[in-house]
Amino acid sequence: MTIDTKQLQKAVIENKKKHNFNTTDVKFELLLLYGEVNELFQAWLKEDQENINEELADVAIFLLGISEMLGSDLGEDIVKKMAVNAKRKYVHGKKIVIDD
């Protein structure tokens, strides 16, 4: 199954508009994202897998919406960042060198 993240971004914004939610205040959306990450953390602490899955989706939805608000393509940005990460060498999780 192929997922077009740019289409998902647009769908998130359209849903927000349809329900009269914020689509312009990035600072506010980042604050809400922080809240969703906290809810995910709380679900994880309780080992509540069903709620974990729901909160993961909420976090992703907020990231998609924020990306659309900022004019970014989250899918492309993730692919680029994964390529950078693949070239890194780590020692116990700490970056020490980036190969070019």
N, C-alpha and C. Protein backbone atom coordinates (compact mmCIF):
# COMPACT_ATOMS: atom_id res chain seq x y z
N MET A 1 0.84 -1.18 0.00
CA MET A 1 0.00 0.00 0.00
C MET A 1 0.89 1.25 0.00
N THR A 2 0.62 2.14 -0.92
CA THR A 2 1.36 3.39 -1.02
C THR A 2 0.54 4.51 -0.38
N ILE A 3 1.22 5.30 0.43
CA ILE A 3 0.55 6.43 1.07
C ILE A 3 1.21 7.71 0.58
N ASP A 4 0.42 8.61 0.04
CA ASP A 4 0.90 9.90 -0.42
C ASP A 4 0.76 10.88 0.75
N THR A 5 1.89 11.18 1.39
CA THR A 5 1.83 12.04 2.57
C THR A 5 1.33 13.45 2.24
N LYS A 6 1.63 13.93 1.05
CA LYS A 6 1.17 15.27 0.67
C LYS A 6 -0.37 15.29 0.62
N GLN A 7 -0.97 14.21 0.10
CA GLN A 7 -2.44 14.14 0.08
C GLN A 7 -2.99 14.04 1.50
N LEU A 8 -2.30 13.29 2.36
CA LEU A 8 -2.73 13.21 3.76
C LEU A 8 -2.65 14.58 4.43
N GLN A 9 -1.59 15.33 4.15
CA GLN A 9 -1.45 16.68 4.71
C GLN A 9 -2.65 17.54 4.31
N LYS A 10 -2.99 17.49 3.03
CA LYS A 10 -4.11 18.29 2.54
C LYS A 10 -5.43 17.84 3.18
N ALA A 11 -5.59 16.52 3.34
CA ALA A 11 -6.81 15.98 3.95
C ALA A 11 -6.93 16.42 5.41
N VAL A 12 -5.82 16.46 6.12
CA VAL A 12 -5.84 16.91 7.52
C VAL A 12 -6.30 18.36 7.59
N ILE A 13 -5.75 19.20 6.73
CA ILE A 13 -6.13 20.63 6.74
C ILE A 13 -7.60 20.79 6.34
N GLU A 14 -8.04 20.06 5.34
CA GLU A 14 -9.45 20.15 4.92
C GLU A 14 -10.38 19.75 6.05
N ASN A 15 -10.02 18.70 6.79
CA ASN A 15 -10.84 18.27 7.92
C ASN A 15 -10.87 19.35 9.01
N LYS A 16 -9.73 19.97 9.25
CA LYS A 16 -9.67 21.05 10.24
C LYS A 16 -10.58 22.21 9.81
N LYS A 17 -10.51 22.58 8.53
CA LYS A 17 -11.35 23.67 8.02
C LYS A 17 -12.83 23.32 8.15
N LYS A 18 -13.16 22.08 7.80
CA LYS A 18 -14.55 21.62 7.85
C LYS A 18 -15.12 21.74 9.26
N HIS A 19 -14.28 21.54 10.27
CA HIS A 19 -14.74 21.58 11.66
C HIS A 19 -14.35 22.88 12.37
N ASN A 20 -13.94 23.87 11.58
CA ASN A 20 -13.58 25.20 12.10
C ASN A 20 -12.45 25.15 13.14
N PHE A 21 -11.48 24.27 12.91
CA PHE A 21 -10.30 24.21 13.76
C PHE A 21 -9.21 25.12 13.18
N ASN A 22 -8.22 25.41 13.99
CA ASN A 22 -7.10 26.26 13.59
C ASN A 22 -6.37 25.69 12.37
N THR A 23 -6.07 26.56 11.42
CA THR A 23 -5.25 26.16 10.27
C THR A 23 -4.17 27.20 9.96
N THR A 24 -3.99 28.17 10.85
CA THR A 24 -3.02 29.24 10.57
C THR A 24 -2.02 29.48 11.69
N ASP A 25 -2.34 29.16 12.92
CA ASP A 25 -1.48 29.46 14.06
C ASP A 25 -0.58 28.26 14.37
N VAL A 26 0.62 28.28 13.80
CA VAL A 26 1.56 27.16 13.94
C VAL A 26 1.97 26.98 15.40
N LYS A 27 2.19 28.08 16.10
CA LYS A 27 2.60 27.99 17.51
C LYS A 27 1.56 27.22 18.32
N PHE A 28 0.29 27.51 18.07
CA PHE A 28 -0.79 26.82 18.77
C PHE A 28 -0.80 25.33 18.42
N GLU A 29 -0.61 25.02 17.15
CA GLU A 29 -0.58 23.61 16.73
C GLU A 29 0.59 22.86 17.36
N LEU A 30 1.74 23.53 17.48
CA LEU A 30 2.89 22.90 18.14
C LEU A 30 2.59 22.62 19.61
N LEU A 31 1.88 23.52 20.25
CA LEU A 31 1.47 23.30 21.63
C LEU A 31 0.53 22.10 21.74
N LEU A 32 -0.42 22.02 20.82
CA LEU A 32 -1.33 20.87 20.81
C LEU A 32 -0.58 19.57 20.53
N LEU A 33 0.40 19.63 19.64
CA LEU A 33 1.23 18.45 19.35
C LEU A 33 1.93 17.98 20.61
N TYR A 34 2.46 18.92 21.37
CA TYR A 34 3.11 18.59 22.64
C TYR A 34 2.14 17.84 23.55
N GLY A 35 0.90 18.29 23.60
CA GLY A 35 -0.12 17.61 24.40
C GLY A 35 -0.38 16.20 23.92
N GLU A 36 -0.41 16.02 22.59
CA GLU A 36 -0.64 14.68 22.04
C GLU A 36 0.53 13.75 22.35
N VAL A 37 1.74 14.27 22.29
CA VAL A 37 2.92 13.45 22.63
C VAL A 37 2.84 13.04 24.11
N ASN A 38 2.39 13.95 24.96
CA ASN A 38 2.21 13.61 26.38
C ASN A 38 1.16 12.52 26.55
N GLU A 39 0.06 12.61 25.82
CA GLU A 39 -0.97 11.57 25.90
C GLU A 39 -0.41 10.22 25.44
N LEU A 40 0.43 10.24 24.41
CA LEU A 40 1.09 9.02 23.95
C LEU A 40 1.97 8.45 25.05
N PHE A 41 2.73 9.31 25.69
CA PHE A 41 3.62 8.88 26.77
C PHE A 41 2.81 8.26 27.92
N GLN A 42 1.70 8.89 28.27
CA GLN A 42 0.86 8.36 29.35
C GLN A 42 0.29 6.99 28.98
N ALA A 43 -0.13 6.83 27.73
CA ALA A 43 -0.64 5.53 27.27
C ALA A 43 0.46 4.47 27.32
N TRP A 44 1.65 4.87 26.93
CA TRP A 44 2.79 3.95 26.96
C TRP A 44 3.11 3.52 28.40
N LEU A 45 3.08 4.47 29.32
CA LEU A 45 3.33 4.14 30.73
C LEU A 45 2.32 3.12 31.25
N LYS A 46 1.08 3.21 30.77
CA LYS A 46 0.02 2.29 31.20
C LYS A 46 0.02 0.99 30.40
N GLU A 47 0.90 0.90 29.40
CA GLU A 47 0.97 -0.26 28.50
C GLU A 47 -0.38 -0.53 27.85
N ASP A 48 -1.07 0.54 27.47
CA ASP A 48 -2.39 0.48 26.85
C ASP A 48 -2.23 0.55 25.33
N GLN A 49 -2.03 -0.62 24.71
CA GLN A 49 -1.68 -0.66 23.29
C GLN A 49 -2.72 0.00 22.39
N GLU A 50 -3.99 -0.21 22.68
CA GLU A 50 -5.03 0.40 21.85
C GLU A 50 -4.93 1.93 21.90
N ASN A 51 -4.73 2.47 23.09
CA ASN A 51 -4.60 3.91 23.23
C ASN A 51 -3.28 4.40 22.65
N ILE A 52 -2.22 3.60 22.78
CA ILE A 52 -0.93 3.95 22.16
C ILE A 52 -1.12 4.15 20.67
N ASN A 53 -1.80 3.20 20.02
CA ASN A 53 -2.02 3.29 18.57
C ASN A 53 -2.80 4.55 18.20
N GLU A 54 -3.82 4.85 18.99
CA GLU A 54 -4.63 6.04 18.73
C GLU A 54 -3.81 7.31 18.90
N GLU A 55 -3.01 7.36 19.94
CA GLU A 55 -2.20 8.55 20.19
C GLU A 55 -1.09 8.70 19.16
N LEU A 56 -0.52 7.59 18.70
CA LEU A 56 0.46 7.66 17.61
C LEU A 56 -0.18 8.30 16.38
N ALA A 57 -1.41 7.89 16.08
CA ALA A 57 -2.13 8.47 14.94
C ALA A 57 -2.37 9.96 15.16
N ASP A 58 -2.76 10.34 16.38
CA ASP A 58 -2.97 11.76 16.67
C ASP A 58 -1.69 12.57 16.46
N VAL A 59 -0.57 12.05 16.93
CA VAL A 59 0.72 12.74 16.75
C VAL A 59 1.01 12.90 15.26
N ALA A 60 0.80 11.82 14.50
CA ALA A 60 1.06 11.88 13.05
C ALA A 60 0.14 12.89 12.37
N ILE A 61 -1.12 12.92 12.76
CA ILE A 61 -2.07 13.86 12.18
C ILE A 61 -1.64 15.30 12.44
N PHE A 62 -1.21 15.58 13.66
CA PHE A 62 -0.73 16.94 13.96
C PHE A 62 0.52 17.27 13.15
N LEU A 63 1.45 16.32 13.02
CA LEU A 63 2.65 16.56 12.21
C LEU A 63 2.29 16.83 10.75
N LEU A 64 1.36 16.06 10.23
CA LEU A 64 0.93 16.27 8.84
C LEU A 64 0.30 17.66 8.67
N GLY A 65 -0.55 18.04 9.61
CA GLY A 65 -1.19 19.36 9.53
C GLY A 65 -0.19 20.49 9.62
N ILE A 66 0.72 20.39 10.57
CA ILE A 66 1.75 21.43 10.73
C ILE A 66 2.62 21.51 9.48
N SER A 67 2.97 20.36 8.92
CA SER A 67 3.77 20.35 7.69
C SER A 67 3.05 21.08 6.57
N GLU A 68 1.76 20.83 6.43
CA GLU A 68 0.99 21.51 5.39
C GLU A 68 0.92 23.01 5.66
N MET A 69 0.73 23.39 6.91
CA MET A 69 0.67 24.81 7.26
C MET A 69 1.98 25.52 6.93
N LEU A 70 3.09 24.79 7.06
CA LEU A 70 4.41 25.38 6.80
C LEU A 70 4.88 25.21 5.35
N GLY A 71 4.06 24.55 4.53
CA GLY A 71 4.42 24.36 3.13
C GLY A 71 5.49 23.31 2.90
N SER A 72 5.63 22.39 3.83
CA SER A 72 6.62 21.32 3.71
C SER A 72 5.96 20.06 3.19
N ASP A 73 6.76 19.16 2.63
CA ASP A 73 6.29 17.83 2.24
C ASP A 73 6.92 16.86 3.23
N LEU A 74 6.15 16.46 4.23
CA LEU A 74 6.68 15.64 5.31
C LEU A 74 7.27 14.33 4.81
N GLY A 75 6.63 13.72 3.82
CA GLY A 75 7.15 12.46 3.27
C GLY A 75 8.54 12.64 2.68
N GLU A 76 8.71 13.67 1.87
CA GLU A 76 10.03 13.95 1.28
C GLU A 76 11.05 14.29 2.36
N ASP A 77 10.62 15.06 3.34
CA ASP A 77 11.53 15.45 4.42
C ASP A 77 12.00 14.24 5.22
N ILE A 78 11.10 13.29 5.45
CA ILE A 78 11.48 12.07 6.17
C ILE A 78 12.47 11.25 5.37
N VAL A 79 12.22 11.10 4.08
CA VAL A 79 13.14 10.33 3.22
C VAL A 79 14.53 10.96 3.22
N LYS A 80 14.59 12.29 3.09
CA LYS A 80 15.88 12.99 3.10
C LYS A 80 16.60 12.79 4.43
N LYS A 81 15.87 12.92 5.53
CA LYS A 81 16.48 12.79 6.85
C LYS A 81 16.95 11.36 7.11
N MET A 82 16.19 10.38 6.64
CA MET A 82 16.61 8.98 6.80
C MET A 82 17.90 8.71 6.03
N ALA A 83 18.07 9.35 4.87
CA ALA A 83 19.30 9.19 4.10
C ALA A 83 20.49 9.77 4.87
N VAL A 84 20.29 10.92 5.51
CA VAL A 84 21.35 11.51 6.34
C VAL A 84 21.67 10.59 7.50
N ASN A 85 20.63 10.10 8.17
CA ASN A 85 20.84 9.22 9.32
C ASN A 85 21.55 7.93 8.94
N ALA A 86 21.29 7.42 7.74
CA ALA A 86 21.91 6.17 7.30
C ALA A 86 23.42 6.31 7.15
N LYS A 87 23.90 7.53 6.92
CA LYS A 87 25.33 7.76 6.73
C LYS A 87 26.06 8.01 8.05
N ARG A 88 25.33 8.18 9.11
CA ARG A 88 25.95 8.49 10.40
C ARG A 88 26.56 7.24 11.03
N LYS A 89 27.63 7.47 11.76
CA LYS A 89 28.21 6.40 12.57
C LYS A 89 27.95 6.77 14.02
N TYR A 90 27.54 5.79 14.79
CA TYR A 90 27.16 6.04 16.18
C TYR A 90 28.00 5.19 17.13
N VAL A 91 28.22 5.71 18.32
CA VAL A 91 28.80 4.96 19.41
C VAL A 91 27.82 5.09 20.57
N HIS A 92 27.20 3.99 20.95
CA HIS A 92 26.21 3.99 22.04
C HIS A 92 25.14 5.06 21.82
N GLY A 93 24.69 5.19 20.56
CA GLY A 93 23.62 6.13 20.24
C GLY A 93 24.05 7.56 20.05
N LYS A 94 25.33 7.86 20.15
CA LYS A 94 25.80 9.23 19.97
C LYS A 94 26.45 9.38 18.60
N LYS A 95 26.07 10.44 17.90
CA LYS A 95 26.64 10.71 16.58
C LYS A 95 28.10 11.12 16.76
N ILE A 96 28.99 10.50 15.97
CA ILE A 96 30.39 10.93 16.03
C ILE A 96 30.91 11.40 14.67
N VAL A 97 30.40 10.83 13.57
CA VAL A 97 30.91 11.17 12.24
C VAL A 97 29.77 11.06 11.24
N ILE A 98 29.77 11.96 10.25
CA ILE A 98 28.87 11.83 9.12
C ILE A 98 29.72 11.57 7.89
N ASP A 99 29.49 10.43 7.23
CA ASP A 99 30.21 10.11 6.00
C ASP A 99 29.56 10.85 4.85
N ASP A 100 30.37 11.39 3.96
CA ASP A 100 29.82 12.07 2.77
C ASP A 100 29.84 11.18 1.57
